[in-house]
Structures are given as C-alpha cells and as structure tokens.
C-alpha cells in the first residue's frame, strides 16, 4: 500500500457529504487508507441526514461555510487580506484574471462568488501546508481551485464527470485544462470529449480513471447468481435521481409494455428529485400502481439489501434536451458487484462497463419496447442472467477496483510538488472560512 508524502492534499467539493456522490466518498476513504492526509472544502453546507455510515470513517478535516452571512463575509475578508499580505503579486494577478474573465462570462456574479470562496480556501491551504488541491467537477469547485492556485501557487487538478463537462462553456474548460497539472475523468467517452475541446492541450494531461467500486462492501450474491427459479414475483430495481437524464419515463413505459406481454413482476425505482410528481402521474395514467413504485433516496446499507433481493437491475439514461448526460452511473457497477444482471441504455460511457451479451444487455436510449424485450429475456432465461452477472463481477474485479483506481489518482497527485507556496500562516484559524 502506497504511503502519502506527509503534506496534505485538499479536496474541493460542491457539497460534502452528499448522498448521491458515493463515488467521491469512496475515493476519499481509499485515499486515506493509502496514507494521504486530506482536507475537505465543502462550498455549500452539508446535506441534511441521512448520510452514508461510511462518512463516519473519514478522518479528514471538513471546512464548510460559516453560519450567518455577516460572520461568513467577515471571515472571508480576513482570509483575503491574509492571502494578499502573504503574496501581493500573486493576489493581484488572480484579481486581474477574475476581472478579465468577467468580460466574457455568462454568469459574472457566480465567477466572483468562486473568487471569494477561493480566498478562504487559499488561506487555509497555506495554513495547513497543503501541497496540492484537487477538485471534483469541472465547474464551481474547479473554478475555486484555479483561483486558489493563482493566489498561492499551489498546484491543482480536477476530476470531470458529466454535467460539468457538457453544460460548461468550452472556453472555460480549456482555461482550467491549461492551468491544471492534470485532469482526470471517469469514462473514455468523456476523455475523448475533453481532448476534442482542447486539441492543443497535451493529450497526456487528460487521464481516464474509472470510478472504483469497493468490492468488499458489495460482496454477496444477487438472486440471479444463487441459482434456482426467480422469486414468485421477480423484482426489477432501478436507482437514480428523478431527473430527465435518468430516463425513468422510458423505464415506466417499458414496464407497461412488459405487463402487456403477460409478464408478472414488480419494479422499484429508488431516488429523489424534481420529477417525482410527473413520474407518479405517469405510473397512475398507465395503471401501474400495483407494479411500479417510487422510493426516496437510500443509504448504501439500505441499497445493498435491495440489490441482493433484485432479480434484475435496469437503468434507462438518455441525453437530456440541454445536453446533460451520465458518465457511467455508479449504481450499475454496484448492482453488478452484488451479482444482479443489468439492462441499460448504450449512451455515453455505459458500454465501457456494460458490454452487450458479455456483462449485461444494452438497448438504445428512448426505446421502451427494446428495453422491455431485454428485461423479458433476462427474467425468462436464468442461465443467461447468471452468466452475465458472474462476468460483470469479474469485469469489476479486473478494471474497476476502488483501491487500484484510487492508487492511479494518487500517483498523479504525487507528481507535483510546490516547494515555496505553502508557507504556514501563524495564529489560530477558524475552520469555517468559505
């Protein structure tokens, strides 16, 4: 197991902890197990409970916004003053950059908000002798990391995921890529897109690092790998936020088509989001109340029990009207890790994990009839379902292991050092400076 260098790494996240971002939580846990000391900067207040029990395993100090606007502003002003006094030329360049970028920004107020937050991050990073700053998502967190870098000289990098790439302006992405020591992303599909946005950037600066799965947590056997016939009423499970890009409307339509074929089953959709009322109406309008049900968001522990009961996992992602899309949804890998056969759509990076006929079945997006046919095939053919589930687990063990994927990122973080930027700031510092 690789050991950290002693000086800490800062992680900048939009919100921590967050129930839907288990892939980041897993990475943080693994980084600490690999010997790194971390500081976590949450740009927004933490989500209210429930939280994943794994949050309690994280040792990193968490820096979140102070309560009360007046106190928050006062702390930020103090932080900016300290950063200015410590490195006036760097601070002046950061200020000039912010002013210049404002001229072409579609959201100038947001840009200055990230500049303000960066002063707090920069101050604490200097105080705690942070050697490197890593941001998750190529929008607000990376903008804060970039400004903090300009103010201090501490190198930064970022991991790009999905919405942050496809809904951000290409010029902003290129600006971050030029300044960062490296960029990681979770799918080859995303990596190709980033390289197309910045063809003059050295290709080796963009790294594919799939999200890893902690296979120990998901050890167990799903219904398909236990042998024997399916349960009296097979359970079809789907997990994902209730937002357009998840395609839950298509899954509901597929369930209606499957019922019309005379297949007896139940479908459980787990997640929360703005489309809940619309999806509930779609279920009622199709007369599926006895077959399809919606559940709110769940913790990992609750989901694992559902995975183990499921006969089939189905996800129907699509490219939304605004261009938003998934990378490789972590819930697909989680279902595979437990041994549940998977049906999914063939968009974005999903085929990198779900190989049609090998580790699952793929169907075109926005094709409920095709999805219903694939669902019927795996519910009827238990031999095929079991074979796909076993091959999917082996694929995860070979190429999606959490410890190996996190070690790849740790090696990249270790390449850069800042010898003169991380001078300790004397005096007692409050933990909330954002």
Protein backbone atom coordinates (compact mmCIF):
# COMPACT_ATOMS: atom_id res chain seq x y z
CA UNK A 1 0.00 0.00 0.00
CA UNK A 2 1.41 3.35 -1.09
CA UNK A 3 2.16 5.89 1.62
CA UNK A 4 1.37 9.60 1.41
CA UNK A 5 4.06 12.25 1.30
CA UNK A 6 3.22 13.78 4.69
CA UNK A 7 1.89 17.12 3.50
CA UNK A 8 -1.87 17.08 2.91
CA UNK A 9 -3.99 17.24 -0.21
CA UNK A 10 -7.10 19.45 -0.32
CA UNK A 11 -10.31 18.21 -1.92
CA UNK A 12 -12.79 20.84 -3.12
CA UNK A 13 -16.38 19.65 -3.49
CA UNK A 14 -19.61 21.50 -4.12
CA UNK A 15 -21.23 19.84 -1.10
CA UNK A 16 -19.98 17.31 1.41
CA UNK A 17 -21.32 14.92 2.47
CA UNK A 18 -23.82 14.23 -0.28
CA UNK A 19 -25.90 11.07 -0.50
CA UNK A 20 -25.73 10.80 -4.31
CA UNK A 21 -21.94 11.17 -4.54
CA UNK A 22 -20.79 7.90 -3.04
CA UNK A 23 -18.07 7.63 -5.71
CA UNK A 24 -16.35 10.68 -4.18
CA UNK A 25 -16.83 9.39 -0.64
CA UNK A 26 -15.31 6.05 -1.66
CA UNK A 27 -12.32 7.79 -3.24
CA UNK A 28 -11.72 9.90 -0.11
CA UNK A 29 -11.86 6.81 2.11
CA UNK A 30 -9.46 4.98 -0.17
CA UNK A 31 -7.05 7.95 -0.32
CA UNK A 32 -6.85 7.95 3.45
CA UNK A 33 -6.31 4.18 3.52
CA UNK A 34 -3.47 4.70 1.05
CA UNK A 35 -1.76 7.03 3.52
CA UNK A 36 -2.88 10.51 2.40
CA UNK A 37 -3.84 13.28 4.81
CA UNK A 38 -6.77 15.23 3.39
CA UNK A 39 -8.63 18.48 3.96
CA UNK A 40 -12.13 18.69 2.51
CA UNK A 41 -13.61 22.02 1.43
CA UNK A 42 -17.39 21.98 1.01
CA UNK A 43 -18.54 25.05 -0.92
CA UNK A 44 -22.11 24.62 0.32
CA UNK A 45 -23.42 23.47 3.72
CA UNK A 46 -23.60 19.68 4.15
CA UNK A 47 -26.75 17.87 3.09
CA UNK A 48 -29.10 17.10 5.97
CA UNK A 49 -29.29 13.42 7.05
CA UNK A 50 -29.49 10.64 6.14
CA UNK A 51 -25.76 10.28 5.49
CA UNK A 52 -23.97 7.13 4.44
CA UNK A 53 -22.48 5.38 7.50
CA UNK A 54 -19.12 5.45 5.68
CA UNK A 55 -18.94 9.21 6.27
CA UNK A 56 -18.02 8.43 9.88
CA UNK A 57 -14.92 6.56 8.64
CA UNK A 58 -13.43 9.69 7.03
CA UNK A 59 -10.75 11.35 9.17
CA UNK A 60 -10.26 14.46 7.04
CA UNK A 61 -10.98 17.88 8.50
CA UNK A 62 -14.01 19.39 6.78
CA UNK A 63 -14.14 23.14 6.08
CA UNK A 64 -17.68 24.32 5.31
CA UNK A 65 -19.39 27.74 5.11
CA UNK A 66 -19.79 29.58 8.40
CA UNK A 67 -23.30 30.05 9.74
CA UNK A 68 -24.67 33.55 9.25
CA UNK A 69 -23.96 35.90 6.37
CA UNK A 70 -22.25 38.58 8.47
CA UNK A 71 -19.82 36.10 10.04
CA UNK A 72 -19.15 34.46 6.69
CA UNK A 73 -18.33 37.75 5.00
CA UNK A 74 -16.10 38.84 7.89
CA UNK A 75 -14.11 35.60 7.77
CA UNK A 76 -13.68 35.82 4.01
CA UNK A 77 -12.46 39.40 4.20
CA UNK A 78 -9.92 38.37 6.82
CA UNK A 79 -8.80 35.44 4.65
CA UNK A 80 -8.39 37.59 1.54
CA UNK A 81 -6.40 40.17 3.50
CA UNK A 82 -4.06 37.44 4.76
CA UNK A 83 -3.57 36.00 1.27
CA UNK A 84 -2.92 39.47 -0.16
CA UNK A 85 -0.28 40.25 2.50
CA UNK A 86 1.40 36.87 2.04
CA UNK A 87 1.75 37.11 -1.75
CA UNK A 88 0.62 40.51 -3.10
CA UNK A 89 1.79 39.93 -6.68
CA UNK A 90 0.05 36.55 -6.90
CA UNK A 91 -3.13 38.01 -5.45
CA UNK A 92 -3.01 40.92 -7.92
CA UNK A 93 -2.67 38.50 -10.83
CA UNK A 94 -5.61 36.44 -9.56
CA UNK A 95 -7.70 39.59 -9.22
CA UNK A 96 -6.75 40.70 -12.73
CA UNK A 97 -7.62 37.26 -14.11
CA UNK A 98 -11.04 37.37 -12.46
CA UNK A 99 -11.69 40.82 -13.90
CA UNK A 100 -10.66 39.68 -17.37
CA UNK A 101 -12.74 36.50 -17.28
CA UNK A 102 -15.76 38.51 -16.15
CA UNK A 103 -15.84 40.25 -19.54
CA UNK A 104 -16.73 37.01 -21.34
CA UNK A 105 -18.60 35.21 -18.54
CA UNK A 106 -22.28 34.39 -18.87
CA UNK A 107 -22.53 34.39 -15.06
CA UNK A 108 -20.19 37.08 -13.73
CA UNK A 109 -21.71 37.04 -10.24
CA UNK A 110 -21.02 33.31 -9.97
CA UNK A 111 -17.42 33.88 -11.09
CA UNK A 112 -16.86 36.44 -8.33
CA UNK A 113 -18.51 34.11 -5.83
CA UNK A 114 -15.89 31.48 -6.69
CA UNK A 115 -13.15 34.11 -6.35
CA UNK A 116 -14.45 34.99 -2.87
CA UNK A 117 -14.56 31.35 -1.83
CA UNK A 118 -11.07 30.81 -3.20
CA UNK A 119 -9.65 33.35 -0.75
CA UNK A 120 -10.84 31.22 2.16
CA UNK A 121 -9.53 28.05 0.54
CA UNK A 122 -6.16 29.66 -0.25
CA UNK A 123 -5.75 30.93 3.32
CA UNK A 124 -6.42 27.55 4.90
CA UNK A 125 -4.33 25.68 2.33
CA UNK A 126 -1.34 27.86 3.21
CA UNK A 127 -2.03 27.45 6.90
CA UNK A 128 -2.16 23.65 6.69
CA UNK A 129 0.77 23.41 4.27
CA UNK A 130 -1.36 21.77 1.58
CA UNK A 131 0.81 20.53 -1.28
CA UNK A 132 -1.91 20.01 -3.90
CA UNK A 133 -5.56 20.94 -4.47
CA UNK A 134 -7.90 18.54 -6.26
CA UNK A 135 -11.45 19.50 -7.27
CA UNK A 136 -14.34 17.22 -8.18
CA UNK A 137 -16.46 18.55 -11.07
CA UNK A 138 -15.13 20.96 -13.67
CA UNK A 139 -17.48 23.82 -12.76
CA UNK A 140 -17.59 25.74 -9.46
CA UNK A 141 -15.18 23.52 -7.47
CA UNK A 142 -12.55 23.70 -10.22
CA UNK A 143 -13.00 27.46 -10.59
CA UNK A 144 -12.29 27.82 -6.85
CA UNK A 145 -9.24 25.54 -7.14
CA UNK A 146 -7.98 27.56 -10.12
CA UNK A 147 -8.31 30.88 -8.27
CA UNK A 148 -6.68 29.41 -5.15
CA UNK A 149 -3.79 28.26 -7.35
CA UNK A 150 -3.37 31.75 -8.79
CA UNK A 151 -3.36 33.24 -5.27
CA UNK A 152 -0.86 30.80 -3.76
CA UNK A 153 0.99 28.89 -6.46
CA UNK A 154 -0.24 25.59 -5.03
CA UNK A 155 -0.78 23.24 -8.00
CA UNK A 156 -4.29 22.00 -8.71
CA UNK A 157 -6.04 19.30 -10.69
CA UNK A 158 -9.61 18.23 -11.19
CA UNK A 159 -11.84 15.27 -11.98
CA UNK A 160 -14.52 15.92 -14.60
CA UNK A 161 -17.67 13.82 -14.54
CA UNK A 162 -20.66 14.52 -16.82
CA UNK A 163 -22.96 17.52 -16.45
CA UNK A 164 -19.98 19.71 -15.56
CA UNK A 165 -18.35 18.93 -18.92
CA UNK A 166 -21.32 19.05 -21.25
CA UNK A 167 -23.06 22.12 -19.79
CA UNK A 168 -19.96 24.27 -19.25
CA UNK A 169 -18.62 26.62 -21.91
CA UNK A 170 -15.73 25.04 -23.85
CA UNK A 171 -13.57 28.10 -23.28
CA UNK A 172 -13.89 27.75 -19.52
CA UNK A 173 -12.94 24.05 -19.68
CA UNK A 174 -9.91 24.90 -21.84
CA UNK A 175 -8.83 27.59 -19.37
CA UNK A 176 -8.88 25.12 -16.49
CA UNK A 177 -7.10 22.44 -18.53
CA UNK A 178 -4.27 24.80 -19.43
CA UNK A 179 -3.65 25.75 -15.80
CA UNK A 180 -4.17 22.38 -14.11
CA UNK A 181 -1.36 19.88 -13.64
CA UNK A 182 -3.73 17.19 -14.93
CA UNK A 183 -7.40 16.39 -15.41
CA UNK A 184 -8.98 13.03 -14.70
CA UNK A 185 -12.34 11.80 -15.90
CA UNK A 186 -14.38 8.68 -15.29
CA UNK A 187 -15.08 7.47 -18.86
CA UNK A 188 -13.22 7.15 -22.11
CA UNK A 189 -16.19 8.88 -23.74
CA UNK A 190 -15.57 11.93 -21.52
CA UNK A 191 -11.81 11.84 -22.12
CA UNK A 192 -12.34 11.95 -25.89
CA UNK A 193 -14.75 14.87 -25.48
CA UNK A 194 -12.26 16.82 -23.34
CA UNK A 195 -9.50 16.25 -25.88
CA UNK A 196 -11.80 17.49 -28.65
CA UNK A 197 -12.49 20.66 -26.65
CA UNK A 198 -8.80 21.37 -26.15
CA UNK A 199 -6.88 19.84 -29.08
CA UNK A 200 -3.78 21.91 -28.30
CA UNK A 201 -3.56 20.54 -24.75
CA UNK A 202 -1.02 17.75 -24.37
CA UNK A 203 -3.13 14.55 -24.63
CA UNK A 204 -1.24 13.04 -21.68
CA UNK A 205 -2.65 15.74 -19.43
CA UNK A 206 -6.11 14.13 -19.57
CA UNK A 207 -6.35 10.78 -17.77
CA UNK A 208 -9.05 8.14 -17.79
CA UNK A 209 -9.65 6.86 -14.26
CA UNK A 210 -12.87 4.92 -13.90
CA UNK A 211 -14.78 5.19 -10.63
CA UNK A 212 -13.72 2.28 -8.48
CA UNK A 213 -16.03 0.02 -6.50
CA UNK A 214 -15.24 -1.22 -3.00
CA UNK A 215 -15.92 -4.85 -3.76
CA UNK A 216 -15.72 -5.84 -0.10
CA UNK A 217 -18.74 -3.70 0.75
CA UNK A 218 -20.75 -5.23 -2.10
CA UNK A 219 -19.68 -8.80 -1.52
CA UNK A 220 -22.61 -11.16 -1.74
CA UNK A 221 -24.86 -12.87 -4.22
CA UNK A 222 -27.81 -11.44 -6.06
CA UNK A 223 -30.84 -13.57 -6.81
CA UNK A 224 -29.60 -14.36 -10.33
CA UNK A 225 -26.32 -15.91 -9.14
CA UNK A 226 -27.87 -18.02 -6.40
CA UNK A 227 -29.34 -20.49 -8.88
CA UNK A 228 -32.87 -21.80 -8.99
CA UNK A 229 -36.00 -20.13 -10.34
CA UNK A 230 -36.79 -16.45 -9.80
CA UNK A 231 -38.99 -15.36 -6.95
CA UNK A 232 -42.74 -15.70 -7.33
CA UNK A 233 -42.88 -12.08 -8.47
CA UNK A 234 -39.46 -11.02 -9.78
CA UNK A 235 -38.12 -7.70 -8.55
CA UNK A 236 -36.82 -5.21 -11.13
CA UNK A 237 -34.76 -2.50 -9.45
CA UNK A 238 -33.69 0.92 -10.72
CA UNK A 239 -31.74 3.56 -8.77
CA UNK A 240 -31.12 7.15 -9.79
CA UNK A 241 -32.11 10.74 -9.19
CA UNK A 242 -35.52 11.65 -10.58
CA UNK A 243 -34.18 13.97 -13.28
CA UNK A 244 -34.60 13.94 -17.09
CA UNK A 245 -31.23 12.38 -17.96
CA UNK A 246 -32.02 9.21 -16.00
CA UNK A 247 -34.84 8.29 -18.40
CA UNK A 248 -37.21 6.93 -15.77
CA UNK A 249 -40.15 7.78 -18.05
CA UNK A 250 -38.81 5.26 -20.55
CA UNK A 251 -38.48 2.62 -17.85
CA UNK A 252 -42.11 3.17 -16.81
CA UNK A 253 -43.17 2.80 -20.46
CA UNK A 254 -41.09 -0.39 -20.70
CA UNK A 255 -42.85 -1.73 -17.63
CA UNK A 256 -46.21 -1.06 -19.27
CA UNK A 257 -45.04 -2.95 -22.38
CA UNK A 258 -43.74 -5.83 -20.25
CA UNK A 259 -47.06 -6.12 -18.44
CA UNK A 260 -48.85 -6.16 -21.81
CA UNK A 261 -46.72 -9.19 -22.71
CA UNK A 262 -48.16 -11.03 -19.70
CA UNK A 263 -45.00 -10.90 -17.56
CA UNK A 264 -45.63 -10.78 -13.80
CA UNK A 265 -43.08 -8.62 -11.93
CA UNK A 266 -42.69 -5.61 -9.69
CA UNK A 267 -40.46 -2.60 -10.32
CA UNK A 268 -38.97 -0.38 -7.63
CA UNK A 269 -37.42 2.99 -8.57
CA UNK A 270 -35.21 4.41 -5.81
CA UNK A 271 -34.26 8.08 -5.80
CA UNK A 272 -35.46 11.60 -5.18
CA UNK A 273 -35.69 14.63 -7.43
CA UNK A 274 -37.87 17.19 -9.17
CA UNK A 275 -39.65 14.70 -11.48
CA UNK A 276 -41.25 12.71 -8.68
CA UNK A 277 -44.77 14.10 -9.22
CA UNK A 278 -44.55 13.71 -13.00
CA UNK A 279 -43.35 10.12 -12.68
CA UNK A 280 -46.08 9.32 -10.16
CA UNK A 281 -48.64 10.67 -12.63
CA UNK A 282 -47.14 8.54 -15.42
CA UNK A 283 -47.44 5.42 -13.24
CA UNK A 284 -51.07 6.18 -12.45
CA UNK A 285 -52.00 7.07 -16.03
CA UNK A 286 -50.73 3.68 -17.20
CA UNK A 287 -52.47 1.81 -14.39
CA UNK A 288 -49.17 0.54 -12.99
CA UNK A 289 -49.73 1.38 -9.32
CA UNK A 290 -49.61 -2.30 -8.35
CA UNK A 291 -46.43 -2.91 -10.33
CA UNK A 292 -44.22 0.20 -10.23
CA UNK A 293 -43.44 2.18 -7.07
CA UNK A 294 -41.19 5.10 -6.20
CA UNK A 295 -38.99 5.22 -3.12
CA UNK A 296 -36.90 8.10 -1.83
CA UNK A 297 -33.11 8.19 -1.67
CA UNK A 298 -31.42 5.48 0.41
CA UNK A 299 -28.09 4.91 2.10
CA UNK A 300 -25.60 2.35 0.82
CA UNK A 301 -26.58 -0.14 3.52
CA UNK A 302 -30.26 0.04 2.52
CA UNK A 303 -29.43 -0.24 -1.18
CA UNK A 304 -27.23 -3.28 -0.73
CA UNK A 305 -30.14 -5.19 0.79
CA UNK A 306 -32.31 -4.23 -2.18
CA UNK A 307 -29.62 -5.28 -4.66
CA UNK A 308 -29.48 -8.69 -3.02
CA UNK A 309 -33.24 -9.12 -3.41
CA UNK A 310 -33.37 -7.93 -7.02
CA UNK A 311 -33.72 -10.29 -9.96
CA UNK A 312 -32.82 -7.59 -12.47
CA UNK A 313 -31.33 -4.07 -12.44
CA UNK A 314 -32.47 -1.66 -15.15
CA UNK A 315 -31.36 1.90 -15.90
CA UNK A 316 -32.51 3.97 -18.89
CA UNK A 317 -30.21 7.03 -19.13
CA UNK A 318 -30.65 9.40 -22.06
CA UNK A 319 -29.09 12.63 -23.29
CA UNK A 320 -31.32 15.40 -21.93
CA UNK A 321 -32.56 18.29 -24.05
CA UNK A 322 -29.94 20.63 -22.53
CA UNK A 323 -27.12 18.19 -23.32
CA UNK A 324 -26.79 16.79 -19.80
CA UNK A 325 -25.93 13.10 -19.61
CA UNK A 326 -24.48 10.44 -17.34
CA UNK A 327 -20.95 9.05 -17.39
CA UNK A 328 -21.07 5.51 -16.04
CA UNK A 329 -23.70 5.58 -13.28
CA UNK A 330 -22.17 4.11 -10.15
CA UNK A 331 -25.37 2.21 -9.36
CA UNK A 332 -24.80 -0.03 -12.40
CA UNK A 333 -21.43 -1.09 -11.00
CA UNK A 334 -22.91 -1.56 -7.53
CA UNK A 335 -25.63 -3.86 -8.87
CA UNK A 336 -23.04 -5.82 -10.83
CA UNK A 337 -20.83 -6.13 -7.77
CA UNK A 338 -23.66 -7.81 -5.84
CA UNK A 339 -24.43 -10.12 -8.76
CA UNK A 340 -27.54 -8.58 -10.32
CA UNK A 341 -27.86 -8.86 -14.12
CA UNK A 342 -28.12 -5.45 -15.80
CA UNK A 343 -30.08 -3.91 -18.66
CA UNK A 344 -29.05 -0.34 -19.58
CA UNK A 345 -29.03 2.09 -22.46
CA UNK A 346 -26.00 2.45 -24.70
CA UNK A 347 -25.21 6.15 -24.20
CA UNK A 348 -22.06 7.91 -23.02
CA UNK A 349 -19.60 5.69 -21.13
CA UNK A 350 -22.04 2.92 -20.17
CA UNK A 351 -20.79 0.49 -22.88
CA UNK A 352 -17.34 0.69 -21.28
CA UNK A 353 -18.77 -1.34 -18.39
CA UNK A 354 -21.91 -2.98 -19.77
CA UNK A 355 -20.67 -4.99 -22.73
CA UNK A 356 -23.66 -6.27 -24.63
CA UNK A 357 -24.07 -10.01 -24.28
CA UNK A 358 -20.99 -10.26 -22.04
CA UNK A 359 -21.61 -8.28 -18.82
CA UNK A 360 -25.20 -7.19 -19.45
CA UNK A 361 -27.64 -6.20 -22.15
CA UNK A 362 -27.65 -2.80 -23.90
CA UNK A 363 -30.56 -1.14 -25.67
CA UNK A 364 -30.84 2.20 -27.48
CA UNK A 365 -31.93 5.14 -25.38
CA UNK A 366 -35.57 6.28 -25.61
CA UNK A 367 -36.59 2.78 -26.77
CA UNK A 368 -39.06 1.39 -24.18
CA UNK A 369 -40.06 -1.53 -26.43
CA UNK A 370 -36.44 -2.63 -26.80
CA UNK A 371 -35.92 -2.26 -23.06
CA UNK A 372 -39.00 -4.37 -22.34
CA UNK A 373 -37.72 -7.11 -24.65
CA UNK A 374 -34.32 -7.18 -22.91
CA UNK A 375 -35.97 -7.25 -19.48
CA UNK A 376 -38.21 -10.13 -20.54
CA UNK A 377 -35.23 -12.06 -21.93
CA UNK A 378 -33.26 -11.93 -18.67
CA UNK A 379 -36.27 -12.62 -16.46
CA UNK A 380 -37.06 -15.70 -18.55
CA UNK A 381 -33.53 -17.02 -19.15
CA UNK A 382 -31.98 -17.52 -15.71
CA UNK A 383 -28.93 -19.25 -17.17
CA UNK A 384 -28.09 -16.23 -19.30
CA UNK A 385 -28.83 -13.85 -16.42
CA UNK A 386 -26.49 -15.75 -14.10
CA UNK A 387 -23.69 -15.88 -16.68
CA UNK A 388 -23.90 -12.14 -17.35
CA UNK A 389 -23.91 -11.39 -13.63
CA UNK A 390 -20.81 -13.52 -12.97
CA UNK A 391 -18.91 -12.00 -15.91
CA UNK A 392 -19.86 -8.49 -14.75
CA UNK A 393 -18.42 -9.17 -11.30
CA UNK A 394 -15.18 -10.40 -12.88
CA UNK A 395 -15.02 -7.28 -15.04
CA UNK A 396 -15.26 -5.10 -11.93
CA UNK A 397 -12.53 -7.07 -10.20
CA UNK A 398 -10.19 -6.59 -13.15
CA UNK A 399 -10.82 -2.96 -14.14
CA UNK A 400 -12.99 -1.15 -11.58
CA UNK A 401 -11.37 -1.98 -8.25
CA UNK A 402 -11.56 1.01 -5.89
CA UNK A 403 -8.05 0.62 -4.48
CA UNK A 404 -6.38 0.30 -7.89
CA UNK A 405 -8.30 3.26 -9.35
CA UNK A 406 -7.56 5.47 -6.35
CA UNK A 407 -3.89 4.49 -6.47
CA UNK A 408 -3.78 5.68 -10.09
CA UNK A 409 -5.04 9.09 -8.96
CA UNK A 410 -2.65 9.15 -6.01
CA UNK A 411 0.30 8.61 -8.36
CA UNK A 412 -0.79 11.62 -10.41
CA UNK A 413 -1.15 13.75 -7.29
CA UNK A 414 2.35 12.78 -6.20
CA UNK A 415 3.96 14.02 -9.43
CA UNK A 416 3.62 17.69 -8.50
CA UNK A 417 5.16 19.43 -5.53
CA UNK A 418 5.18 23.09 -4.59
CA UNK A 419 8.36 23.93 -2.74
CA UNK A 420 7.73 27.55 -1.89
CA UNK A 421 4.00 28.20 -1.99
CA UNK A 422 2.73 26.53 1.17
CA UNK A 423 4.15 28.67 3.96
CA UNK A 424 2.45 28.31 7.30
CA UNK A 425 0.32 31.22 8.44
CA UNK A 426 0.73 31.96 12.16
CA UNK A 427 -2.13 32.31 14.58
CA UNK A 428 -5.33 30.44 15.37
CA UNK A 429 -7.60 29.87 12.38
CA UNK A 430 -11.32 29.17 12.40
CA UNK A 431 -12.38 26.10 10.44
CA UNK A 432 -15.16 27.93 8.55
CA UNK A 433 -13.77 30.41 6.05
CA UNK A 434 -15.94 29.96 2.97
